[in-house]
Each structure stands twice: as C-alpha cells, then as structure tokens.
C-alpha cells in the first residue's frame, strides 16, 4: 500500500465513523505530510508503506487493524 491509498482508506473510515480527517502536505518534508484523524495525527509518506510502518501509523491514529 502506498501513502495515497492509506489516506483514501482513512478518509473513508472517517466518513463512516463521523470523524474529521484532513491531510496537510505543508507539515512534512519532501513527500511526507501529516494526516489528522480527529484529534490524533501521524506522518504519512507518499511512497510504499510496509506492514510494520502501517501498524505503527494505525496505532498513532488509534484505529483498530480489523476496522481498517
């Protein structure tokens, strides 16, 4: 999964759970940005995301892996 796919899935989940989601490209270096899920946030890189990084990002956003 790449960063764009991750952002799209989180936005869909946010819409389903009525949680505000936004991506801020300005808060990050190069191809990185900050994804806000309610009051939680994580840094997202736009390239390929490995399984361990995906787990860490979901944990930072307090999203259950099964929900995702």
PDB file of N, CA and C in Angstrom:
ATOM      1  N   UNK A   1       0.843  -1.166   0.000  1.00  0.00           N
ATOM      2  CA  UNK A   1       0.000   0.000   0.000  1.00  0.00           C
ATOM      3  C   UNK A   1       0.892   1.234   0.000  1.00  0.00           C
ATOM      4  N   UNK A   2       0.492   2.242  -0.769  1.00  0.00           N
ATOM      5  CA  UNK A   2       1.252   3.489  -0.743  1.00  0.00           C
ATOM      6  C   UNK A   2       0.501   4.536   0.089  1.00  0.00           C
ATOM      7  N   UNK A   3       1.111   5.684   0.280  1.00  0.00           N
ATOM      8  CA  UNK A   3       0.552   6.721   1.132  1.00  0.00           C
ATOM      9  C   UNK A   3      -0.790   7.241   0.655  1.00  0.00           C
ATOM     10  N   UNK A   4      -0.952   7.395  -0.656  1.00  0.00           N
ATOM     11  CA  UNK A   4      -2.220   7.885  -1.197  1.00  0.00           C
ATOM     12  C   UNK A   4      -3.365   6.912  -0.913  1.00  0.00           C
ATOM     13  N   UNK A   5      -3.086   5.613  -1.043  1.00  0.00           N
ATOM     14  CA  UNK A   5      -4.103   4.601  -0.751  1.00  0.00           C
ATOM     15  C   UNK A   5      -4.462   4.621   0.737  1.00  0.00           C
ATOM     16  N   UNK A   6      -3.455   4.793   1.589  1.00  0.00           N
ATOM     17  CA  UNK A   6      -3.674   4.853   3.031  1.00  0.00           C
ATOM     18  C   UNK A   6      -4.581   6.039   3.383  1.00  0.00           C
ATOM     19  N   UNK A   7      -4.275   7.192   2.816  1.00  0.00           N
ATOM     20  CA  UNK A   7      -5.056   8.407   3.088  1.00  0.00           C
ATOM     21  C   UNK A   7      -6.506   8.201   2.638  1.00  0.00           C
ATOM     22  N   UNK A   8      -6.691   7.613   1.471  1.00  0.00           N
ATOM     23  CA  UNK A   8      -8.036   7.387   0.938  1.00  0.00           C
ATOM     24  C   UNK A   8      -8.832   6.463   1.872  1.00  0.00           C
ATOM     25  N   UNK A   9      -8.197   5.389   2.367  1.00  0.00           N
ATOM     26  CA  UNK A   9      -8.881   4.453   3.266  1.00  0.00           C
ATOM     27  C   UNK A   9      -9.230   5.112   4.598  1.00  0.00           C
ATOM     28  N   UNK A  10      -8.317   5.931   5.120  1.00  0.00           N
ATOM     29  CA  UNK A  10      -8.579   6.607   6.394  1.00  0.00           C
ATOM     30  C   UNK A  10      -9.715   7.615   6.220  1.00  0.00           C
ATOM     31  N   UNK A  11      -9.749   8.323   5.096  1.00  0.00           N
ATOM     32  CA  UNK A  11     -10.840   9.274   4.845  1.00  0.00           C
ATOM     33  C   UNK A  11     -12.178   8.553   4.765  1.00  0.00           C
ATOM     34  N   UNK A  12     -12.202   7.400   4.118  1.00  0.00           N
ATOM     35  CA  UNK A  12     -13.429   6.611   4.009  1.00  0.00           C
ATOM     36  C   UNK A  12     -13.880   6.134   5.398  1.00  0.00           C
ATOM     37  N   UNK A  13     -12.927   5.684   6.211  1.00  0.00           N
ATOM     38  CA  UNK A  13     -13.228   5.239   7.566  1.00  0.00           C
ATOM     39  C   UNK A  13     -13.723   6.403   8.421  1.00  0.00           C
ATOM     40  N   UNK A  14     -13.125   7.566   8.247  1.00  0.00           N
ATOM     41  CA  UNK A  14     -13.548   8.751   8.984  1.00  0.00           C
ATOM     42  C   UNK A  14     -14.970   9.153   8.634  1.00  0.00           C
ATOM     43  N   UNK A  15     -15.303   9.060   7.368  1.00  0.00           N
ATOM     44  CA  UNK A  15     -16.664   9.393   6.929  1.00  0.00           C
ATOM     45  C   UNK A  15     -17.669   8.413   7.537  1.00  0.00           C
ATOM     46  N   UNK A  16     -17.292   7.139   7.561  1.00  0.00           N
ATOM     47  CA  UNK A  16     -18.157   6.094   8.119  1.00  0.00           C
ATOM     48  C   UNK A  16     -18.368   6.302   9.622  1.00  0.00           C
ATOM     49  N   UNK A  17     -17.296   6.695  10.333  1.00  0.00           N
ATOM     50  CA  UNK A  17     -17.353   6.850  11.789  1.00  0.00           C
ATOM     51  C   UNK A  17     -17.615   8.286  12.228  1.00  0.00           C
ATOM     52  N   UNK A  18     -17.890   9.170  11.279  1.00  0.00           N
ATOM     53  CA  UNK A  18     -18.145  10.583  11.560  1.00  0.00           C
ATOM     54  C   UNK A  18     -16.983  11.231  12.322  1.00  0.00           C
ATOM     55  N   UNK A  19     -15.770  11.007  11.805  1.00  0.00           N
ATOM     56  CA  UNK A  19     -14.546  11.584  12.372  1.00  0.00           C
ATOM     57  C   UNK A  19     -13.919  12.483  11.313  1.00  0.00           C
ATOM     58  N   UNK A  20     -13.525  13.684  11.717  1.00  0.00           N
ATOM     59  CA  UNK A  20     -12.895  14.619  10.788  1.00  0.00           C
ATOM     60  C   UNK A  20     -11.516  14.108  10.384  1.00  0.00           C
ATOM     61  N   UNK A  21     -11.245  14.110   9.081  1.00  0.00           N
ATOM     62  CA  UNK A  21      -9.960  13.670   8.545  1.00  0.00           C
ATOM     63  C   UNK A  21      -9.439  14.726   7.590  1.00  0.00           C
ATOM     64  N   UNK A  22      -8.155  15.082   7.747  1.00  0.00           N
ATOM     65  CA  UNK A  22      -7.544  16.007   6.784  1.00  0.00           C
ATOM     66  C   UNK A  22      -6.064  15.679   6.643  1.00  0.00           C
ATOM     67  N   UNK A  23      -5.544  15.957   5.465  1.00  0.00           N
ATOM     68  CA  UNK A  23      -4.130  15.734   5.176  1.00  0.00           C
ATOM     69  C   UNK A  23      -3.481  17.080   4.912  1.00  0.00           C
ATOM     70  N   UNK A  24      -2.392  17.355   5.618  1.00  0.00           N
ATOM     71  CA  UNK A  24      -1.691  18.632   5.479  1.00  0.00           C
ATOM     72  C   UNK A  24      -0.303  18.375   4.878  1.00  0.00           C
ATOM     73  N   UNK A  25      -0.145  18.694   3.612  1.00  0.00           N
ATOM     74  CA  UNK A  25       1.114  18.481   2.892  1.00  0.00           C
ATOM     75  C   UNK A  25       2.215  19.409   3.405  1.00  0.00           C
ATOM     76  N   UNK A  26       1.837  20.561   3.957  1.00  0.00           N
ATOM     77  CA  UNK A  26       2.821  21.551   4.404  1.00  0.00           C
ATOM     78  C   UNK A  26       3.592  21.104   5.640  1.00  0.00           C
ATOM     79  N   UNK A  27       2.992  20.242   6.450  1.00  0.00           N
ATOM     80  CA  UNK A  27       3.660  19.769   7.662  1.00  0.00           C
ATOM     81  C   UNK A  27       4.368  18.451   7.389  1.00  0.00           C
ATOM     82  N   UNK A  28       5.472  18.524   6.721  1.00  0.00           N
ATOM     83  CA  UNK A  28       6.269  17.358   6.378  1.00  0.00           C
ATOM     84  C   UNK A  28       7.330  17.749   5.373  1.00  0.00           C
ATOM     85  N   UNK A  29       8.360  16.952   5.314  1.00  0.00           N
ATOM     86  CA  UNK A  29       9.448  17.231   4.375  1.00  0.00           C
ATOM     87  C   UNK A  29       9.292  16.374   3.127  1.00  0.00           C
ATOM     88  N   UNK A  30       9.614  16.935   1.998  1.00  0.00           N
ATOM     89  CA  UNK A  30       9.607  16.179   0.740  1.00  0.00           C
ATOM     90  C   UNK A  30       8.255  15.584   0.435  1.00  0.00           C
ATOM     91  N   UNK A  31       8.203  14.261   0.375  1.00  0.00           N
ATOM     92  CA  UNK A  31       6.965  13.577   0.019  1.00  0.00           C
ATOM     93  C   UNK A  31       6.144  13.193   1.254  1.00  0.00           C
ATOM     94  N   UNK A  32       6.475  13.735   2.418  1.00  0.00           N
ATOM     95  CA  UNK A  32       5.767  13.431   3.653  1.00  0.00           C
ATOM     96  C   UNK A  32       4.768  14.534   3.981  1.00  0.00           C
ATOM     97  N   UNK A  33       3.737  14.166   4.722  1.00  0.00           N
ATOM     98  CA  UNK A  33       2.744  15.119   5.195  1.00  0.00           C
ATOM     99  C   UNK A  33       2.121  14.587   6.469  1.00  0.00           C
ATOM    100  N   UNK A  34       1.259  15.380   7.084  1.00  0.00           N
ATOM    101  CA  UNK A  34       0.611  14.984   8.325  1.00  0.00           C
ATOM    102  C   UNK A  34      -0.853  14.687   8.064  1.00  0.00           C
ATOM    103  N   UNK A  35      -1.288  13.519   8.534  1.00  0.00           N
ATOM    104  CA  UNK A  35      -2.683  13.104   8.411  1.00  0.00           C
ATOM    105  C   UNK A  35      -3.326  13.215   9.782  1.00  0.00           C
ATOM    106  N   UNK A  36      -4.424  13.964   9.846  1.00  0.00           N
ATOM    107  CA  UNK A  36      -5.159  14.141  11.094  1.00  0.00           C
ATOM    108  C   UNK A  36      -6.423  13.300  11.039  1.00  0.00           C
ATOM    109  N   UNK A  37      -6.656  12.527  12.087  1.00  0.00           N
ATOM    110  CA  UNK A  37      -7.861  11.705  12.237  1.00  0.00           C
ATOM    111  C   UNK A  37      -8.475  12.081  13.576  1.00  0.00           C
ATOM    112  N   UNK A  38      -9.443  12.974  13.540  1.00  0.00           N
ATOM    113  CA  UNK A  38      -9.980  13.525  14.783  1.00  0.00           C
ATOM    114  C   UNK A  38      -8.890  14.336  15.467  1.00  0.00           C
ATOM    115  N   UNK A  39      -8.582  14.003  16.724  1.00  0.00           N
ATOM    116  CA  UNK A  39      -7.525  14.717  17.449  1.00  0.00           C
ATOM    117  C   UNK A  39      -6.189  13.981  17.407  1.00  0.00           C
ATOM    118  N   UNK A  40      -6.114  12.884  16.653  1.00  0.00           N
ATOM    119  CA  UNK A  40      -4.881  12.101  16.502  1.00  0.00           C
ATOM    120  C   UNK A  40      -4.198  12.486  15.202  1.00  0.00           C
ATOM    121  N   UNK A  41      -2.882  12.242  15.122  1.00  0.00           N
ATOM    122  CA  UNK A  41      -2.169  12.543  13.878  1.00  0.00           C
ATOM    123  C   UNK A  41      -1.022  11.569  13.671  1.00  0.00           C
ATOM    124  N   UNK A  42      -0.617  11.443  12.416  1.00  0.00           N
ATOM    125  CA  UNK A  42       0.533  10.628  12.043  1.00  0.00           C
ATOM    126  C   UNK A  42       1.173  11.228  10.802  1.00  0.00           C
ATOM    127  N   UNK A  43       2.433  10.928  10.603  1.00  0.00           N
ATOM    128  CA  UNK A  43       3.145  11.363   9.406  1.00  0.00           C
ATOM    129  C   UNK A  43       2.996  10.280   8.347  1.00  0.00           C
ATOM    130  N   UNK A  44       2.659  10.715   7.132  1.00  0.00           N
ATOM    131  CA  UNK A  44       2.445   9.777   6.026  1.00  0.00           C
ATOM    132  C   UNK A  44       3.434  10.090   4.917  1.00  0.00           C
ATOM    133  N   UNK A  45       4.120   9.049   4.453  1.00  0.00           N
ATOM    134  CA  UNK A  45       4.964   9.224   3.269  1.00  0.00           C
ATOM    135  C   UNK A  45       4.154   8.770   2.060  1.00  0.00           C
ATOM    136  N   UNK A  46       4.373   9.386   0.946  1.00  0.00           N
ATOM    137  CA  UNK A  46       3.555   9.119  -0.244  1.00  0.00           C
ATOM    138  C   UNK A  46       3.993   7.847  -0.971  1.00  0.00           C
ATOM    139  N   UNK A  47       5.165   7.319  -0.644  1.00  0.00           N
ATOM    140  CA  UNK A  47       5.636   6.102  -1.313  1.00  0.00           C
ATOM    141  C   UNK A  47       5.126   4.857  -0.570  1.00  0.00           C
ATOM    142  N   UNK A  48       5.692   3.723  -0.885  1.00  0.00           N
ATOM    143  CA  UNK A  48       5.250   2.440  -0.347  1.00  0.00           C
ATOM    144  C   UNK A  48       5.362   2.387   1.184  1.00  0.00           C
ATOM    145  N   UNK A  49       4.320   1.835   1.827  1.00  0.00           N
ATOM    146  CA  UNK A  49       4.272   1.694   3.286  1.00  0.00           C
ATOM    147  C   UNK A  49       4.329   0.209   3.615  1.00  0.00           C
ATOM    148  N   UNK A  50       5.339  -0.187   4.377  1.00  0.00           N
ATOM    149  CA  UNK A  50       5.497  -1.577   4.783  1.00  0.00           C
ATOM    150  C   UNK A  50       4.552  -1.942   5.921  1.00  0.00           C
ATOM    151  N   UNK A  51       4.430  -3.247   6.215  1.00  0.00           N
ATOM    152  CA  UNK A  51       3.492  -3.713   7.251  1.00  0.00           C
ATOM    153  C   UNK A  51       3.766  -3.144   8.648  1.00  0.00           C
ATOM    154  N   UNK A  52       5.020  -3.052   9.045  1.00  0.00           N
ATOM    155  CA  UNK A  52       5.324  -2.556  10.386  1.00  0.00           C
ATOM    156  C   UNK A  52       5.027  -1.063  10.503  1.00  0.00           C
ATOM    157  N   UNK A  53       5.329  -0.301   9.464  1.00  0.00           N
ATOM    158  CA  UNK A  53       5.019   1.132   9.464  1.00  0.00           C
ATOM    159  C   UNK A  53       3.504   1.341   9.447  1.00  0.00           C
ATOM    160  N   UNK A  54       2.796   0.541   8.686  1.00  0.00           N
ATOM    161  CA  UNK A  54       1.340   0.625   8.634  1.00  0.00           C
ATOM    162  C   UNK A  54       0.751   0.399  10.025  1.00  0.00           C
ATOM    163  N   UNK A  55       1.237  -0.609  10.726  1.00  0.00           N
ATOM    164  CA  UNK A  55       0.754  -0.892  12.085  1.00  0.00           C
ATOM    165  C   UNK A  55       1.021   0.278  13.017  1.00  0.00           C
ATOM    166  N   UNK A  56       2.202   0.858  12.918  1.00  0.00           N
ATOM    167  CA  UNK A  56       2.561   1.993  13.774  1.00  0.00           C
ATOM    168  C   UNK A  56       1.674   3.203  13.487  1.00  0.00           C
ATOM    169  N   UNK A  57       1.397   3.445  12.213  1.00  0.00           N
ATOM    170  CA  UNK A  57       0.562   4.591  11.837  1.00  0.00           C
ATOM    171  C   UNK A  57      -0.872   4.403  12.331  1.00  0.00           C
ATOM    172  N   UNK A  58      -1.403   3.188  12.198  1.00  0.00           N
ATOM    173  CA  UNK A  58      -2.752   2.906  12.686  1.00  0.00           C
ATOM    174  C   UNK A  58      -2.818   3.064  14.202  1.00  0.00           C
ATOM    175  N   UNK A  59      -1.771   2.643  14.893  1.00  0.00           N
ATOM    176  CA  UNK A  59      -1.717   2.783  16.354  1.00  0.00           C
ATOM    177  C   UNK A  59      -1.712   4.265  16.746  1.00  0.00           C
ATOM    178  N   UNK A  60      -0.953   5.094  16.022  1.00  0.00           N
ATOM    179  CA  UNK A  60      -0.907   6.523  16.313  1.00  0.00           C
ATOM    180  C   UNK A  60      -2.265   7.180  16.105  1.00  0.00           C
ATOM    181  N   UNK A  61      -3.033   6.684  15.137  1.00  0.00           N
ATOM    182  CA  UNK A  61      -4.353   7.239  14.857  1.00  0.00           C
ATOM    183  C   UNK A  61      -5.442   6.573  15.700  1.00  0.00           C
ATOM    184  N   UNK A  62      -5.060   5.569  16.488  1.00  0.00           N
ATOM    185  CA  UNK A  62      -5.992   4.820  17.342  1.00  0.00           C
ATOM    186  C   UNK A  62      -7.073   4.144  16.504  1.00  0.00           C
ATOM    187  N   UNK A  63      -6.638   3.534  15.394  1.00  0.00           N
ATOM    188  CA  UNK A  63      -7.535   2.795  14.504  1.00  0.00           C
ATOM    189  C   UNK A  63      -7.193   1.309  14.651  1.00  0.00           C
ATOM    190  N   UNK A  64      -8.215   0.512  14.913  1.00  0.00           N
ATOM    191  CA  UNK A  64      -8.029  -0.937  15.033  1.00  0.00           C
ATOM    192  C   UNK A  64      -7.725  -1.520  13.656  1.00  0.00           C
ATOM    193  N   UNK A  65      -6.754  -2.425  13.608  1.00  0.00           N
ATOM    194  CA  UNK A  65      -6.350  -3.025  12.328  1.00  0.00           C
ATOM    195  C   UNK A  65      -7.523  -3.723  11.641  1.00  0.00           C
ATOM    196  N   UNK A  66      -8.416  -4.323  12.429  1.00  0.00           N
ATOM    197  CA  UNK A  66      -9.572  -5.025  11.864  1.00  0.00           C
ATOM    198  C   UNK A  66     -10.560  -4.040  11.232  1.00  0.00           C
ATOM    199  N   UNK A  67     -10.671  -2.840  11.789  1.00  0.00           N
ATOM    200  CA  UNK A  67     -11.541  -1.814  11.220  1.00  0.00           C
ATOM    201  C   UNK A  67     -11.009  -1.343   9.871  1.00  0.00           C
ATOM    202  N   UNK A  68      -9.700  -1.270   9.773  1.00  0.00           N
ATOM    203  CA  UNK A  68      -9.047  -0.745   8.603  1.00  0.00           C
ATOM    204  C   UNK A  68      -9.160  -1.714   7.455  1.00  0.00           C
TER     205      UNK A  68
END
